[in-house]
Amino acid sequence: MKRIGLIGGMSWESTAVYYKHINEEVRRLMGDGLASADLCLRSVNFSEIVAQQKAGRWDLAAETLISVARELEQCGCAMVLICTNTMHILADEVQAAIDIPLIHIAEVTGAAVKKAGKKRPLLLATRYTMEKPFYVGYLKDHFGLDPVIPEEADRATVHDVIFEEICCGVLSGASRERYIAIAERARQKGADCIIFGCTEVGLLVRPEDFDIPSFDSTLLHAEAAVRFSLEDELSAEGKESRPVPVH
């Protein structure tokens, strides 16, 4: 079992999902109720990261993530995951600073959408992820997808609910209904699936809330880490081990 390195805390609400789902997948794949993951979790102060985002000081955020990634490498981790979609705006900088692979969340999510035969995923995410080119461009360039971005007012709603509610532990039924309505408007305009493109979105809504398929980036990212971690064990037992795309 290879050691998994998690850069978490952005927010800790979704990082807890990573920890739980990774261990559930290890237990399932190993067929041992006592099996659990070999991992290191380094959690940062999200308040500081958010302040840097708002100020446009991505350089300071990069310094933090690079420092943490190097710590995880020194702790014997075989891979690193940035446990947030938005901070993949710094994925290239983090990868360049370490010698172990960074498993890119847009890579595993885009691969899942393409494998399912979908083309126009609605992206529900923070403003940074929806509006800056690092994520949408990745999906277009690597997978030929045509992401659907909500209208301005809907982008504001999705973003504000993430930061003002979900990241603070508030799960509102009214906000859930607003997300469902946003997805329905996008479906009527041609979206054929939904990407939960913020690691918190899956805490508020579920696949069964929508009339089109959804792809939870958090769960897909966590599962990719487990496949990478257990690739030797799964191969030795003759179990299916899909290649894990790395950055």
C-alpha atoms as a PDB file:
ATOM      1  CA  MET A   1       0.000   0.000   0.000  1.00  0.00           C
ATOM      2  CA  LYS A   2       1.436   3.320  -1.070  1.00  0.00           C
ATOM      3  CA  ARG A   3       1.061   6.258   1.303  1.00  0.00           C
ATOM      4  CA  ILE A   4      -1.494   8.909   0.288  1.00  0.00           C
ATOM      5  CA  GLY A   5      -0.754  12.571   0.961  1.00  0.00           C
ATOM      6  CA  LEU A   6      -3.692  14.930   1.421  1.00  0.00           C
ATOM      7  CA  ILE A   7      -3.503  18.721   1.448  1.00  0.00           C
ATOM      8  CA  GLY A   8      -6.726  19.409   3.294  1.00  0.00           C
ATOM      9  CA  GLY A   9      -8.660  21.980   5.265  1.00  0.00           C
ATOM     10  CA  MET A  10     -10.098  23.809   2.233  1.00  0.00           C
ATOM     11  CA  SER A  11     -12.602  23.334   3.759  1.00  0.00           C
ATOM     12  CA  TRP A  12     -12.311  20.746   6.512  1.00  0.00           C
ATOM     13  CA  GLU A  13     -15.969  19.881   5.885  1.00  0.00           C
ATOM     14  CA  SER A  14     -15.069  18.255   2.560  1.00  0.00           C
ATOM     15  CA  THR A  15     -11.664  17.018   3.744  1.00  0.00           C
ATOM     16  CA  ALA A  16     -13.558  14.841   6.216  1.00  0.00           C
ATOM     17  CA  VAL A  17     -15.358  13.300   3.227  1.00  0.00           C
ATOM     18  CA  TYR A  18     -11.996  12.495   1.623  1.00  0.00           C
ATOM     19  CA  TYR A  19     -10.773  10.736   4.757  1.00  0.00           C
ATOM     20  CA  LYS A  20     -13.957   8.727   5.164  1.00  0.00           C
ATOM     21  CA  HIS A  21     -14.350   7.750   1.503  1.00  0.00           C
ATOM     22  CA  ILE A  22     -10.690   6.789   1.066  1.00  0.00           C
ATOM     23  CA  ASN A  23     -10.896   4.436   4.026  1.00  0.00           C
ATOM     24  CA  GLU A  24     -14.218   3.001   2.885  1.00  0.00           C
ATOM     25  CA  GLU A  25     -12.714   2.257  -0.541  1.00  0.00           C
ATOM     26  CA  VAL A  26      -9.613   0.624   0.976  1.00  0.00           C
ATOM     27  CA  ARG A  27     -11.832  -1.595   3.139  1.00  0.00           C
ATOM     28  CA  ARG A  28     -14.002  -2.508   0.142  1.00  0.00           C
ATOM     29  CA  LEU A  29     -11.163  -3.272  -2.245  1.00  0.00           C
ATOM     30  CA  MET A  30      -9.082  -5.174   0.302  1.00  0.00           C
ATOM     31  CA  GLY A  31     -12.092  -7.228   1.410  1.00  0.00           C
ATOM     32  CA  ASP A  32     -11.051  -6.769   5.025  1.00  0.00           C
ATOM     33  CA  GLY A  33     -13.317  -4.986   7.463  1.00  0.00           C
ATOM     34  CA  LEU A  34     -10.314  -3.832   9.475  1.00  0.00           C
ATOM     35  CA  ALA A  35      -8.334  -2.471   6.524  1.00  0.00           C
ATOM     36  CA  SER A  36      -7.665   1.261   6.437  1.00  0.00           C
ATOM     37  CA  ALA A  37      -5.566   3.632   4.370  1.00  0.00           C
ATOM     38  CA  ASP A  38      -1.928   4.523   4.873  1.00  0.00           C
ATOM     39  CA  LEU A  39      -2.154   8.296   4.578  1.00  0.00           C
ATOM     40  CA  CYS A  40      -0.879  11.613   5.846  1.00  0.00           C
ATOM     41  CA  LEU A  41      -3.282  14.528   6.141  1.00  0.00           C
ATOM     42  CA  ARG A  42      -1.891  18.051   6.446  1.00  0.00           C
ATOM     43  CA  SER A  43      -4.703  20.512   7.038  1.00  0.00           C
ATOM     44  CA  VAL A  44      -4.263  24.263   6.510  1.00  0.00           C
ATOM     45  CA  ASN A  45      -6.160  27.245   7.934  1.00  0.00           C
ATOM     46  CA  PHE A  46      -8.802  27.894   5.289  1.00  0.00           C
ATOM     47  CA  SER A  47      -9.476  31.397   6.591  1.00  0.00           C
ATOM     48  CA  GLU A  48      -5.978  32.439   5.557  1.00  0.00           C
ATOM     49  CA  ILE A  49      -6.341  30.836   2.122  1.00  0.00           C
ATOM     50  CA  VAL A  50      -9.695  32.551   1.517  1.00  0.00           C
ATOM     51  CA  ALA A  51      -8.184  35.923   2.422  1.00  0.00           C
ATOM     52  CA  GLN A  52      -5.420  35.314  -0.136  1.00  0.00           C
ATOM     53  CA  GLN A  53      -7.982  34.309  -2.768  1.00  0.00           C
ATOM     54  CA  LYS A  54     -10.011  37.472  -2.214  1.00  0.00           C
ATOM     55  CA  ALA A  55      -6.864  39.617  -2.409  1.00  0.00           C
ATOM     56  CA  GLY A  56      -5.696  37.885  -5.587  1.00  0.00           C
ATOM     57  CA  ARG A  57      -2.538  36.773  -3.768  1.00  0.00           C
ATOM     58  CA  TRP A  58      -2.340  33.371  -5.366  1.00  0.00           C
ATOM     59  CA  ASP A  59       1.437  33.584  -4.995  1.00  0.00           C
ATOM     60  CA  LEU A  60       1.113  33.444  -1.203  1.00  0.00           C
ATOM     61  CA  ALA A  61      -1.322  30.556  -1.422  1.00  0.00           C
ATOM     62  CA  ALA A  62       1.148  28.771  -3.701  1.00  0.00           C
ATOM     63  CA  GLU A  63       3.887  29.144  -1.105  1.00  0.00           C
ATOM     64  CA  THR A  64       1.657  27.474   1.479  1.00  0.00           C
ATOM     65  CA  LEU A  65       0.588  24.579  -0.737  1.00  0.00           C
ATOM     66  CA  ILE A  66       4.116  23.959  -1.993  1.00  0.00           C
ATOM     67  CA  SER A  67       5.455  23.890   1.555  1.00  0.00           C
ATOM     68  CA  VAL A  68       2.771  21.420   2.613  1.00  0.00           C
ATOM     69  CA  ALA A  69       3.288  19.222  -0.464  1.00  0.00           C
ATOM     70  CA  ARG A  70       7.009  19.020   0.317  1.00  0.00           C
ATOM     71  CA  GLU A  71       6.246  18.044   3.907  1.00  0.00           C
ATOM     72  CA  LEU A  72       4.030  15.221   2.665  1.00  0.00           C
ATOM     73  CA  GLU A  73       6.732  14.043   0.278  1.00  0.00           C
ATOM     74  CA  GLN A  74       9.245  14.018   3.127  1.00  0.00           C
ATOM     75  CA  CYS A  75       6.790  11.943   5.167  1.00  0.00           C
ATOM     76  CA  GLY A  76       6.986   9.175   2.581  1.00  0.00           C
ATOM     77  CA  CYS A  77       3.823   9.883   0.605  1.00  0.00           C
ATOM     78  CA  ALA A  78       3.806   8.398  -2.888  1.00  0.00           C
ATOM     79  CA  MET A  79       1.340  10.945  -4.240  1.00  0.00           C
ATOM     80  CA  VAL A  80      -0.272  14.249  -3.308  1.00  0.00           C
ATOM     81  CA  LEU A  81      -3.889  15.378  -3.606  1.00  0.00           C
ATOM     82  CA  ILE A  82      -5.035  18.980  -3.228  1.00  0.00           C
ATOM     83  CA  CYS A  83      -8.412  18.394  -1.568  1.00  0.00           C
ATOM     84  CA  THR A  84     -10.223  21.253  -3.306  1.00  0.00           C
ATOM     85  CA  ASN A  85     -11.069  22.066  -6.915  1.00  0.00           C
ATOM     86  CA  THR A  86     -10.359  25.787  -6.705  1.00  0.00           C
ATOM     87  CA  MET A  87      -6.784  25.460  -5.506  1.00  0.00           C
ATOM     88  CA  HIS A  88      -5.941  23.394  -8.577  1.00  0.00           C
ATOM     89  CA  ILE A  89      -5.340  26.808 -10.083  1.00  0.00           C
ATOM     90  CA  LEU A  90      -1.907  26.200  -8.487  1.00  0.00           C
ATOM     91  CA  ALA A  91      -1.551  22.550  -9.511  1.00  0.00           C
ATOM     92  CA  ASP A  92       1.283  23.189 -11.964  1.00  0.00           C
ATOM     93  CA  GLU A  93       3.291  25.122  -9.388  1.00  0.00           C
ATOM     94  CA  VAL A  94       2.818  22.442  -6.733  1.00  0.00           C
ATOM     95  CA  GLN A  95       3.690  19.611  -9.109  1.00  0.00           C
ATOM     96  CA  ALA A  96       6.845  21.391 -10.258  1.00  0.00           C
ATOM     97  CA  ALA A  97       8.031  21.677  -6.657  1.00  0.00           C
ATOM     98  CA  ILE A  98       7.838  17.959  -5.777  1.00  0.00           C
ATOM     99  CA  ASP A  99       9.088  14.674  -7.221  1.00  0.00           C
ATOM    100  CA  ILE A 100       5.973  12.610  -6.544  1.00  0.00           C
ATOM    101  CA  PRO A 101       2.846  12.797  -8.712  1.00  0.00           C
ATOM    102  CA  LEU A 102      -0.033  15.131  -8.025  1.00  0.00           C
ATOM    103  CA  ILE A 103      -3.361  13.510  -8.822  1.00  0.00           C
ATOM    104  CA  HIS A 104      -5.322  16.261 -10.561  1.00  0.00           C
ATOM    105  CA  ILE A 105      -8.997  16.507  -9.666  1.00  0.00           C
ATOM    106  CA  ALA A 106     -10.015  17.805 -13.105  1.00  0.00           C
ATOM    107  CA  GLU A 107      -8.186  14.901 -14.732  1.00  0.00           C
ATOM    108  CA  VAL A 108     -10.095  12.202 -12.880  1.00  0.00           C
ATOM    109  CA  THR A 109     -13.401  14.066 -13.136  1.00  0.00           C
ATOM    110  CA  GLY A 110     -13.052  14.829 -16.830  1.00  0.00           C
ATOM    111  CA  ALA A 111     -12.106  11.213 -17.505  1.00  0.00           C
ATOM    112  CA  ALA A 112     -15.257   9.997 -15.762  1.00  0.00           C
ATOM    113  CA  VAL A 113     -17.492  12.377 -17.717  1.00  0.00           C
ATOM    114  CA  LYS A 114     -15.940  11.360 -21.021  1.00  0.00           C
ATOM    115  CA  LYS A 115     -16.126   7.649 -20.196  1.00  0.00           C
ATOM    116  CA  ALA A 116     -19.846   8.076 -19.541  1.00  0.00           C
ATOM    117  CA  GLY A 117     -20.287   9.507 -23.029  1.00  0.00           C
ATOM    118  CA  LYS A 118     -21.304  12.956 -21.816  1.00  0.00           C
ATOM    119  CA  LYS A 119     -20.204  16.184 -23.467  1.00  0.00           C
ATOM    120  CA  ARG A 120     -21.780  19.245 -21.823  1.00  0.00           C
ATOM    121  CA  PRO A 121     -21.389  19.093 -18.039  1.00  0.00           C
ATOM    122  CA  LEU A 122     -22.854  21.853 -15.907  1.00  0.00           C
ATOM    123  CA  LEU A 123     -20.106  23.048 -13.580  1.00  0.00           C
ATOM    124  CA  LEU A 124     -21.277  23.842 -10.043  1.00  0.00           C
ATOM    125  CA  ALA A 125     -18.303  25.362  -8.270  1.00  0.00           C
ATOM    126  CA  THR A 126     -16.793  28.482  -6.782  1.00  0.00           C
ATOM    127  CA  ARG A 127     -16.571  31.600  -8.928  1.00  0.00           C
ATOM    128  CA  TYR A 128     -12.838  31.000  -9.313  1.00  0.00           C
ATOM    129  CA  THR A 129     -13.392  27.522 -10.736  1.00  0.00           C
ATOM    130  CA  MET A 130     -16.331  28.529 -12.933  1.00  0.00           C
ATOM    131  CA  GLU A 131     -14.841  31.758 -14.277  1.00  0.00           C
ATOM    132  CA  LYS A 132     -11.066  31.304 -14.463  1.00  0.00           C
ATOM    133  CA  PRO A 133      -9.692  29.200 -17.339  1.00  0.00           C
ATOM    134  CA  PHE A 134      -7.631  26.704 -15.333  1.00  0.00           C
ATOM    135  CA  TYR A 135     -10.502  24.241 -14.829  1.00  0.00           C
ATOM    136  CA  VAL A 136     -12.855  24.775 -17.744  1.00  0.00           C
ATOM    137  CA  GLY A 137      -9.860  24.940 -20.074  1.00  0.00           C
ATOM    138  CA  TYR A 138      -8.521  21.683 -18.656  1.00  0.00           C
ATOM    139  CA  LEU A 139     -11.805  19.899 -19.371  1.00  0.00           C
ATOM    140  CA  LYS A 140     -11.884  21.298 -22.899  1.00  0.00           C
ATOM    141  CA  ASP A 141      -8.232  20.700 -23.786  1.00  0.00           C
ATOM    142  CA  HIS A 142      -7.798  17.255 -22.234  1.00  0.00           C
ATOM    143  CA  PHE A 143     -11.212  15.710 -22.834  1.00  0.00           C
ATOM    144  CA  GLY A 144     -12.938  17.732 -25.546  1.00  0.00           C
ATOM    145  CA  LEU A 145     -15.794  18.625 -23.210  1.00  0.00           C
ATOM    146  CA  ASP A 146     -17.970  21.702 -23.563  1.00  0.00           C
ATOM    147  CA  PRO A 147     -18.690  22.770 -19.971  1.00  0.00           C
ATOM    148  CA  VAL A 148     -21.836  24.741 -19.225  1.00  0.00           C
ATOM    149  CA  ILE A 149     -21.311  27.659 -16.851  1.00  0.00           C
ATOM    150  CA  PRO A 150     -24.304  29.109 -14.970  1.00  0.00           C
ATOM    151  CA  GLU A 151     -25.481  32.633 -15.677  1.00  0.00           C
ATOM    152  CA  GLU A 152     -24.077  35.480 -13.563  1.00  0.00           C
ATOM    153  CA  ALA A 153     -26.813  35.478 -10.920  1.00  0.00           C
ATOM    154  CA  ASP A 154     -26.673  31.713 -10.598  1.00  0.00           C
ATOM    155  CA  ARG A 155     -22.875  31.770 -10.316  1.00  0.00           C
ATOM    156  CA  ALA A 156     -23.211  34.222  -7.444  1.00  0.00           C
ATOM    157  CA  THR A 157     -25.711  31.935  -5.734  1.00  0.00           C
ATOM    158  CA  VAL A 158     -23.574  28.815  -6.104  1.00  0.00           C
ATOM    159  CA  HIS A 159     -20.439  30.608  -4.879  1.00  0.00           C
ATOM    160  CA  ASP A 160     -22.082  32.324  -1.911  1.00  0.00           C
ATOM    161  CA  VAL A 161     -23.766  29.141  -0.715  1.00  0.00           C
ATOM    162  CA  ILE A 162     -20.417  27.345  -0.773  1.00  0.00           C
ATOM    163  CA  PHE A 163     -18.506  29.923   1.246  1.00  0.00           C
ATOM    164  CA  GLU A 164     -21.232  31.325   3.482  1.00  0.00           C
ATOM    165  CA  GLU A 165     -23.069  28.098   4.241  1.00  0.00           C
ATOM    166  CA  ILE A 166     -21.586  24.713   3.312  1.00  0.00           C
ATOM    167  CA  CYS A 167     -17.999  25.538   4.331  1.00  0.00           C
ATOM    168  CA  CYS A 168     -19.394  26.773   7.637  1.00  0.00           C
ATOM    169  CA  GLY A 169     -21.302  23.548   8.279  1.00  0.00           C
ATOM    170  CA  VAL A 170     -24.713  24.945   7.250  1.00  0.00           C
ATOM    171  CA  LEU A 171     -26.793  22.714   4.965  1.00  0.00           C
ATOM    172  CA  SER A 172     -29.938  24.584   3.972  1.00  0.00           C
ATOM    173  CA  GLY A 173     -32.951  23.001   2.332  1.00  0.00           C
ATOM    174  CA  ALA A 174     -33.681  26.318   0.616  1.00  0.00           C
ATOM    175  CA  SER A 175     -30.180  26.435  -0.866  1.00  0.00           C
ATOM    176  CA  ARG A 176     -30.496  22.844  -1.984  1.00  0.00           C
ATOM    177  CA  GLU A 177     -33.638  23.786  -3.910  1.00  0.00           C
ATOM    178  CA  ARG A 178     -31.820  26.766  -5.445  1.00  0.00           C
ATOM    179  CA  TYR A 179     -29.063  24.467  -6.691  1.00  0.00           C
ATOM    180  CA  ILE A 180     -31.627  22.082  -8.154  1.00  0.00           C
ATOM    181  CA  ALA A 181     -33.335  24.983  -9.952  1.00  0.00           C
ATOM    182  CA  ILE A 182     -30.011  26.187 -11.351  1.00  0.00           C
ATOM    183  CA  ALA A 183     -29.292  22.701 -12.668  1.00  0.00           C
ATOM    184  CA  GLU A 184     -32.726  22.494 -14.285  1.00  0.00           C
ATOM    185  CA  ARG A 185     -32.203  25.806 -16.089  1.00  0.00           C
ATOM    186  CA  ALA A 186     -28.880  24.507 -17.384  1.00  0.00           C
ATOM    187  CA  ARG A 187     -30.457  21.206 -18.468  1.00  0.00           C
ATOM    188  CA  GLN A 188     -33.016  23.101 -20.497  1.00  0.00           C
ATOM    189  CA  LYS A 189     -30.138  24.894 -22.226  1.00  0.00           C
ATOM    190  CA  GLY A 190     -28.373  21.660 -23.180  1.00  0.00           C
ATOM    191  CA  ALA A 191     -26.376  20.459 -20.183  1.00  0.00           C
ATOM    192  CA  ASP A 192     -26.297  16.645 -20.261  1.00  0.00           C
ATOM    193  CA  CYS A 193     -24.736  16.055 -16.835  1.00  0.00           C
ATOM    194  CA  ILE A 194     -23.477  17.883 -13.746  1.00  0.00           C
ATOM    195  CA  ILE A 195     -20.020  18.154 -12.226  1.00  0.00           C
ATOM    196  CA  PHE A 196     -19.965  18.782  -8.506  1.00  0.00           C
ATOM    197  CA  GLY A 197     -16.948  20.997  -9.135  1.00  0.00           C
ATOM    198  CA  CYS A 198     -16.459  22.125  -5.567  1.00  0.00           C
ATOM    199  CA  THR A 199     -15.579  19.497  -3.001  1.00  0.00           C
ATOM    200  CA  GLU A 200     -18.400  20.758  -0.752  1.00  0.00           C
ATOM    201  CA  VAL A 201     -21.243  20.527  -3.275  1.00  0.00           C
ATOM    202  CA  GLY A 202     -21.897  16.842  -2.607  1.00  0.00           C
ATOM    203  CA  LEU A 203     -22.640  17.697   1.013  1.00  0.00           C
ATOM    204  CA  LEU A 204     -25.665  19.748  -0.059  1.00  0.00           C
ATOM    205  CA  VAL A 205     -27.065  17.855  -3.044  1.00  0.00           C
ATOM    206  CA  ARG A 206     -27.128  14.234  -4.178  1.00  0.00           C
ATOM    207  CA  PRO A 207     -27.253  12.585  -7.621  1.00  0.00           C
ATOM    208  CA  GLU A 208     -30.886  11.624  -7.092  1.00  0.00           C
ATOM    209  CA  ASP A 209     -31.824  15.311  -6.852  1.00  0.00           C
ATOM    210  CA  PHE A 210     -31.309  15.742 -10.607  1.00  0.00           C
ATOM    211  CA  ASP A 211     -32.765  14.456 -13.862  1.00  0.00           C
ATOM    212  CA  ILE A 212     -29.332  14.144 -15.471  1.00  0.00           C
ATOM    213  CA  PRO A 213     -26.232  12.234 -14.273  1.00  0.00           C
ATOM    214  CA  SER A 214     -23.848  13.870 -11.834  1.00  0.00           C
ATOM    215  CA  PHE A 215     -20.163  13.421 -11.113  1.00  0.00           C
ATOM    216  CA  ASP A 216     -18.885  14.157  -7.620  1.00  0.00           C
ATOM    217  CA  SER A 217     -15.297  15.357  -7.981  1.00  0.00           C
ATOM    218  CA  THR A 218     -14.564  14.683  -4.306  1.00  0.00           C
ATOM    219  CA  LEU A 219     -15.457  11.008  -4.479  1.00  0.00           C
ATOM    220  CA  LEU A 220     -13.759  10.511  -7.849  1.00  0.00           C
ATOM    221  CA  HIS A 221     -10.577  12.139  -6.557  1.00  0.00           C
ATOM    222  CA  ALA A 222     -10.558  10.015  -3.414  1.00  0.00           C
ATOM    223  CA  GLU A 223     -11.123   6.826  -5.407  1.00  0.00           C
ATOM    224  CA  ALA A 224      -8.240   7.680  -7.733  1.00  0.00           C
ATOM    225  CA  ALA A 225      -5.958   8.022  -4.725  1.00  0.00           C
ATOM    226  CA  VAL A 226      -6.987   4.583  -3.475  1.00  0.00           C
ATOM    227  CA  ARG A 227      -6.401   2.953  -6.859  1.00  0.00           C
ATOM    228  CA  PHE A 228      -2.929   4.471  -6.968  1.00  0.00           C
ATOM    229  CA  SER A 229      -2.228   3.378  -3.409  1.00  0.00           C
ATOM    230  CA  LEU A 230      -3.383  -0.212  -3.926  1.00  0.00           C
ATOM    231  CA  GLU A 231      -2.301  -0.814  -7.515  1.00  0.00           C
ATOM    232  CA  ASP A 232       0.301  -3.439  -6.527  1.00  0.00           C
ATOM    233  CA  GLU A 233      -2.083  -5.315  -4.219  1.00  0.00           C
ATOM    234  CA  LEU A 234      -4.921  -5.285  -6.734  1.00  0.00           C
ATOM    235  CA  SER A 235      -2.632  -6.443  -9.525  1.00  0.00           C
ATOM    236  CA  ALA A 236      -1.265  -9.288  -7.420  1.00  0.00           C
ATOM    237  CA  GLU A 237      -4.780 -10.481  -6.610  1.00  0.00           C
ATOM    238  CA  GLY A 238      -5.912 -10.191 -10.215  1.00  0.00           C
ATOM    239  CA  LYS A 239      -8.497  -7.566  -9.351  1.00  0.00           C
ATOM    240  CA  GLU A 240      -9.416  -4.805 -11.739  1.00  0.00           C
ATOM    241  CA  SER A 241      -7.052  -1.864 -11.376  1.00  0.00           C
ATOM    242  CA  ARG A 242      -7.785   0.983 -13.744  1.00  0.00           C
ATOM    243  CA  PRO A 243      -4.838   3.245 -14.571  1.00  0.00           C
ATOM    244  CA  VAL A 244      -4.781   6.344 -12.406  1.00  0.00           C
ATOM    245  CA  PRO A 245      -4.262   9.526 -14.423  1.00  0.00           C
ATOM    246  CA  VAL A 246      -1.720  11.806 -12.754  1.00  0.00           C
ATOM    247  CA  HIS A 247      -0.773  15.395 -13.483  1.00  0.00           C
END
